[in-house]
PDB file of N, CA and C in Angstrom:
ATOM      1  N   MET A   1     228.914  31.206  26.764  1.00  0.00           N
ATOM      2  CA  MET A   1     229.311  32.717  26.872  1.00  0.00           C
ATOM      3  C   MET A   1     230.773  32.899  26.786  1.00  0.00           C
ATOM      4  N   CYS A   2     231.172  34.000  26.164  1.00  0.00           N
ATOM      5  CA  CYS A   2     232.649  34.266  26.098  1.00  0.00           C
ATOM      6  C   CYS A   2     233.175  34.521  27.486  1.00  0.00           C
ATOM      7  N   GLY A   3     234.421  34.956  27.480  1.00  0.00           N
ATOM      8  CA  GLY A   3     235.058  35.216  28.873  1.00  0.00           C
ATOM      9  C   GLY A   3     234.899  36.498  29.295  1.00  0.00           C
ATOM     10  N   HIS A   4     233.983  37.435  28.673  1.00  0.00           N
ATOM     11  CA  HIS A   4     233.712  38.706  29.172  1.00  0.00           C
ATOM     12  C   HIS A   4     232.423  38.968  29.385  1.00  0.00           C
ATOM     13  N   PRO A   5     231.853  38.520  30.516  1.00  0.00           N
ATOM     14  CA  PRO A   5     230.462  38.540  30.741  1.00  0.00           C
ATOM     15  C   PRO A   5     229.990  40.095  30.985  1.00  0.00           C
ATOM     16  N   GLY A   6     229.075  40.506  30.224  1.00  0.00           N
ATOM     17  CA  GLY A   6     228.564  41.733  30.369  1.00  0.00           C
ATOM     18  C   GLY A   6     229.164  42.873  29.372  1.00  0.00           C
ATOM     19  N   ASP A   7     230.324  42.804  29.169  1.00  0.00           N
ATOM     20  CA  ASP A   7     230.951  43.621  28.100  1.00  0.00           C
ATOM     21  C   ASP A   7     232.392  42.877  27.633  1.00  0.00           C
ATOM     22  N   ASP A   8     232.953  43.615  26.786  1.00  0.00           N
ATOM     23  CA  ASP A   8     234.435  43.031  26.189  1.00  0.00           C
ATOM     24  C   ASP A   8     235.503  43.555  27.048  1.00  0.00           C
ATOM     25  N   GLY A   9     235.335  44.254  28.200  1.00  0.00           N
ATOM     26  CA  GLY A   9     236.546  44.669  28.938  1.00  0.00           C
ATOM     27  C   GLY A   9     236.826  46.129  28.573  1.00  0.00           C
ATOM     28  N   LYS A  10     236.220  46.650  27.479  1.00  0.00           N
ATOM     29  CA  LYS A  10     236.492  48.076  26.992  1.00  0.00           C
ATOM     30  C   LYS A  10     235.143  48.898  27.112  1.00  0.00           C
ATOM     31  N   GLY A  11     234.214  48.453  28.015  1.00  0.00           N
ATOM     32  CA  GLY A  11     233.029  49.240  28.039  1.00  0.00           C
ATOM     33  C   GLY A  11     232.087  49.075  27.012  1.00  0.00           C
ATOM     34  N   ARG A  12     232.206  48.217  26.029  1.00  0.00           N
ATOM     35  CA  ARG A  12     231.287  47.793  24.981  1.00  0.00           C
ATOM     36  C   ARG A  12     230.385  46.891  25.342  1.00  0.00           C
ATOM     37  N   GLY A  13     229.074  46.799  25.112  1.00  0.00           N
ATOM     38  CA  GLY A  13     228.147  45.675  25.474  1.00  0.00           C
ATOM     39  C   GLY A  13     228.330  44.514  24.567  1.00  0.00           C
ATOM     40  N   LEU A  14     227.591  43.350  24.950  1.00  0.00           N
ATOM     41  CA  LEU A  14     227.471  42.149  24.144  1.00  0.00           C
ATOM     42  C   LEU A  14     226.825  42.320  22.955  1.00  0.00           C
ATOM     43  N   MET A  15     227.144  41.394  22.022  1.00  0.00           N
ATOM     44  CA  MET A  15     226.517  41.383  20.655  1.00  0.00           C
ATOM     45  C   MET A  15     225.841  40.008  20.592  1.00  0.00           C
ATOM     46  N   GLN A  16     224.778  40.016  19.602  1.00  0.00           N
ATOM     47  CA  GLN A  16     224.168  38.833  19.313  1.00  0.00           C
ATOM     48  C   GLN A  16     224.813  38.016  18.065  1.00  0.00           C
ATOM     49  N   ALA A  17     224.996  36.842  18.346  1.00  0.00           N
ATOM     50  CA  ALA A  17     225.700  35.998  17.220  1.00  0.00           C
ATOM     51  C   ALA A  17     224.725  34.884  16.993  1.00  0.00           C
ATOM     52  N   HIS A  18     224.586  34.547  15.747  1.00  0.00           N
ATOM     53  CA  HIS A  18     223.603  33.489  15.278  1.00  0.00           C
ATOM     54  C   HIS A  18     224.430  32.106  15.308  1.00  0.00           C
ATOM     55  N   LEU A  19     223.803  31.060  15.871  1.00  0.00           N
ATOM     56  CA  LEU A  19     224.379  29.776  15.800  1.00  0.00           C
ATOM     57  C   LEU A  19     224.338  29.291  14.543  1.00  0.00           C
ATOM     58  N   VAL A  20     223.137  29.419  13.857  1.00  0.00           N
ATOM     59  CA  VAL A  20     222.974  29.051  12.518  1.00  0.00           C
ATOM     60  C   VAL A  20     222.754  30.343  11.886  1.00  0.00           C
ATOM     61  N   PRO A  21     223.756  30.897  10.938  1.00  0.00           N
ATOM     62  CA  PRO A  21     223.528  32.114  10.286  1.00  0.00           C
ATOM     63  C   PRO A  21     222.387  32.230   9.389  1.00  0.00           C
ATOM     64  N   HIS A  22     221.987  33.449   9.086  1.00  0.00           N
ATOM     65  CA  HIS A  22     220.898  33.670   8.334  1.00  0.00           C
ATOM     66  C   HIS A  22     221.114  33.039   6.883  1.00  0.00           C
ATOM     67  N   SER A  23     222.477  33.129   6.402  1.00  0.00           N
ATOM     68  CA  SER A  23     222.790  32.515   5.136  1.00  0.00           C
ATOM     69  C   SER A  23     222.665  31.182   5.050  1.00  0.00           C
ATOM     70  N   GLU A  24     222.642  30.403   6.124  1.00  0.00           N
ATOM     71  CA  GLU A  24     222.351  28.928   6.188  1.00  0.00           C
ATOM     72  C   GLU A  24     220.949  28.628   6.629  1.00  0.00           C
ATOM     73  N   GLY A  25     220.071  29.597   6.658  1.00  0.00           N
ATOM     74  CA  GLY A  25     218.680  29.311   7.016  1.00  0.00           C
ATOM     75  C   GLY A  25     218.306  29.531   8.390  1.00  0.00           C
ATOM     76  N   GLY A  26     219.270  30.168   9.258  1.00  0.00           N
ATOM     77  CA  GLY A  26     218.937  30.559  10.629  1.00  0.00           C
ATOM     78  C   GLY A  26     218.049  31.718  10.730  1.00  0.00           C
ATOM     79  N   ASP A  27     217.271  31.694  11.956  1.00  0.00           N
ATOM     80  CA  ASP A  27     216.361  32.771  12.075  1.00  0.00           C
ATOM     81  C   ASP A  27     216.810  33.646  13.326  1.00  0.00           C
ATOM     82  N   ASP A  28     216.061  34.585  13.733  1.00  0.00           N
ATOM     83  CA  ASP A  28     216.332  35.388  14.970  1.00  0.00           C
ATOM     84  C   ASP A  28     215.680  34.811  16.276  1.00  0.00           C
ATOM     85  N   ASN A  29     215.238  33.550  16.130  1.00  0.00           N
ATOM     86  CA  ASN A  29     214.713  32.936  17.510  1.00  0.00           C
ATOM     87  C   ASN A  29     215.719  32.853  18.541  1.00  0.00           C
ATOM     88  N   ALA A  30     215.334  33.051  19.780  1.00  0.00           N
ATOM     89  CA  ALA A  30     216.270  33.077  20.879  1.00  0.00           C
ATOM     90  C   ALA A  30     217.055  31.802  21.080  1.00  0.00           C
ATOM     91  N   ASN A  31     216.693  30.764  20.370  1.00  0.00           N
ATOM     92  CA  ASN A  31     217.334  29.441  20.529  1.00  0.00           C
ATOM     93  C   ASN A  31     218.510  29.380  19.530  1.00  0.00           C
ATOM     94  N   ASN A  32     218.470  30.397  18.608  1.00  0.00           N
ATOM     95  CA  ASN A  32     219.582  30.504  17.566  1.00  0.00           C
ATOM     96  C   ASN A  32     220.598  31.682  17.907  1.00  0.00           C
ATOM     97  N   ILE A  33     220.505  32.152  18.966  1.00  0.00           N
ATOM     98  CA  ILE A  33     221.254  33.413  19.346  1.00  0.00           C
ATOM     99  C   ILE A  33     222.159  33.163  20.719  1.00  0.00           C
ATOM    100  N   VAL A  34     223.374  33.625  20.635  1.00  0.00           N
ATOM    101  CA  VAL A  34     224.204  33.618  21.753  1.00  0.00           C
ATOM    102  C   VAL A  34     224.900  34.811  21.904  1.00  0.00           C
ATOM    103  N   LEU A  35     225.210  35.456  23.145  1.00  0.00           N
ATOM    104  CA  LEU A  35     225.695  36.726  23.377  1.00  0.00           C
ATOM    105  C   LEU A  35     227.250  36.662  23.439  1.00  0.00           C
ATOM    106  N   LEU A  36     227.947  37.311  22.701  1.00  0.00           N
ATOM    107  CA  LEU A  36     229.345  37.376  22.799  1.00  0.00           C
ATOM    108  C   LEU A  36     229.899  38.838  22.786  1.00  0.00           C
ATOM    109  N   CYS A  37     231.214  39.143  23.357  1.00  0.00           N
ATOM    110  CA  CYS A  37     231.817  40.315  23.227  1.00  0.00           C
ATOM    111  C   CYS A  37     232.196  40.582  21.777  1.00  0.00           C
ATOM    112  N   ARG A  38     232.450  41.719  21.506  1.00  0.00           N
ATOM    113  CA  ARG A  38     232.731  42.212  20.176  1.00  0.00           C
ATOM    114  C   ARG A  38     233.939  41.413  19.635  1.00  0.00           C
ATOM    115  N   THR A  39     234.884  41.025  20.438  1.00  0.00           N
ATOM    116  CA  THR A  39     236.099  40.274  19.983  1.00  0.00           C
ATOM    117  C   THR A  39     235.666  38.837  19.679  1.00  0.00           C
ATOM    118  N   CYS A  40     235.055  38.250  20.540  1.00  0.00           N
ATOM    119  CA  CYS A  40     234.614  36.777  20.307  1.00  0.00           C
ATOM    120  C   CYS A  40     233.620  36.810  19.168  1.00  0.00           C
ATOM    121  N   HIS A  41     232.765  37.781  19.029  1.00  0.00           N
ATOM    122  CA  HIS A  41     231.914  37.784  17.950  1.00  0.00           C
ATOM    123  C   HIS A  41     232.480  37.704  16.549  1.00  0.00           C
ATOM    124  N   ALA A  42     233.574  38.614  16.462  1.00  0.00           N
ATOM    125  CA  ALA A  42     234.416  38.608  15.258  1.00  0.00           C
ATOM    126  C   ALA A  42     235.031  37.390  14.969  1.00  0.00           C
ATOM    127  N   LYS A  43     235.720  36.683  15.945  1.00  0.00           N
ATOM    128  CA  LYS A  43     236.274  35.458  15.885  1.00  0.00           C
ATOM    129  C   LYS A  43     235.240  34.310  15.463  1.00  0.00           C
ATOM    130  N   TYR A  44     234.063  34.416  16.180  1.00  0.00           N
ATOM    131  CA  TYR A  44     233.042  33.446  15.873  1.00  0.00           C
ATOM    132  C   TYR A  44     232.733  33.525  14.172  1.00  0.00           C
ATOM    133  N   ASP A  45     232.381  34.732  13.819  1.00  0.00           N
ATOM    134  CA  ASP A  45     231.948  34.949  12.540  1.00  0.00           C
ATOM    135  C   ASP A  45     233.201  34.619  11.472  1.00  0.00           C
ATOM    136  N   ALA A  46     234.318  34.686  11.941  1.00  0.00           N
ATOM    137  CA  ALA A  46     235.536  34.305  11.010  1.00  0.00           C
ATOM    138  C   ALA A  46     235.797  32.940  10.995  1.00  0.00           C
ATOM    139  N   GLY A  47     234.955  32.129  11.792  1.00  0.00           N
ATOM    140  CA  GLY A  47     235.128  30.546  11.982  1.00  0.00           C
ATOM    141  C   GLY A  47     236.089  30.095  12.819  1.00  0.00           C
ATOM    142  N   GLN A  48     236.554  30.971  13.693  1.00  0.00           N
ATOM    143  CA  GLN A  48     237.543  30.568  14.679  1.00  0.00           C
ATOM    144  C   GLN A  48     236.963  29.993  15.956  1.00  0.00           C
ATOM    145  N   ARG A  49     235.742  29.882  16.036  1.00  0.00           N
ATOM    146  CA  ARG A  49     235.053  29.189  17.144  1.00  0.00           C
ATOM    147  C   ARG A  49     234.001  28.262  16.517  1.00  0.00           C
ATOM    148  N   HIS A  50     233.847  27.103  17.147  1.00  0.00           N
ATOM    149  CA  HIS A  50     232.923  26.047  16.763  1.00  0.00           C
ATOM    150  C   HIS A  50     231.667  26.542  16.824  1.00  0.00           C
ATOM    151  N   ARG A  51     230.732  26.375  15.942  1.00  0.00           N
ATOM    152  CA  ARG A  51     229.366  26.840  15.678  1.00  0.00           C
ATOM    153  C   ARG A  51     228.528  26.637  16.986  1.00  0.00           C
ATOM    154  N   SER A  52     228.877  25.517  17.793  1.00  0.00           N
ATOM    155  CA  SER A  52     227.890  25.150  18.915  1.00  0.00           C
ATOM    156  C   SER A  52     228.594  25.935  20.236  1.00  0.00           C
ATOM    157  N   HIS A  53     229.509  27.017  20.107  1.00  0.00           N
ATOM    158  CA  HIS A  53     229.905  27.781  21.188  1.00  0.00           C
ATOM    159  C   HIS A  53     228.803  28.371  21.860  1.00  0.00           C
ATOM    160  N   PRO A  54     228.504  28.033  23.255  1.00  0.00           N
ATOM    161  CA  PRO A  54     227.418  28.534  23.800  1.00  0.00           C
ATOM    162  C   PRO A  54     227.519  30.187  24.144  1.00  0.00           C
TER     163      PRO A  54
END
């Protein structure tokens, strides 16, 4: 989980990020999803966080 449990500190809720992206064969199974705030999700998608970030 990122450092903003529940929201990103700006009143916006968490977003679903895929551990294995759809483009790499990932699915929408709960085992392939992690909840992140908007900021951490953007960093994660940009490759700034390791793919195993819980």
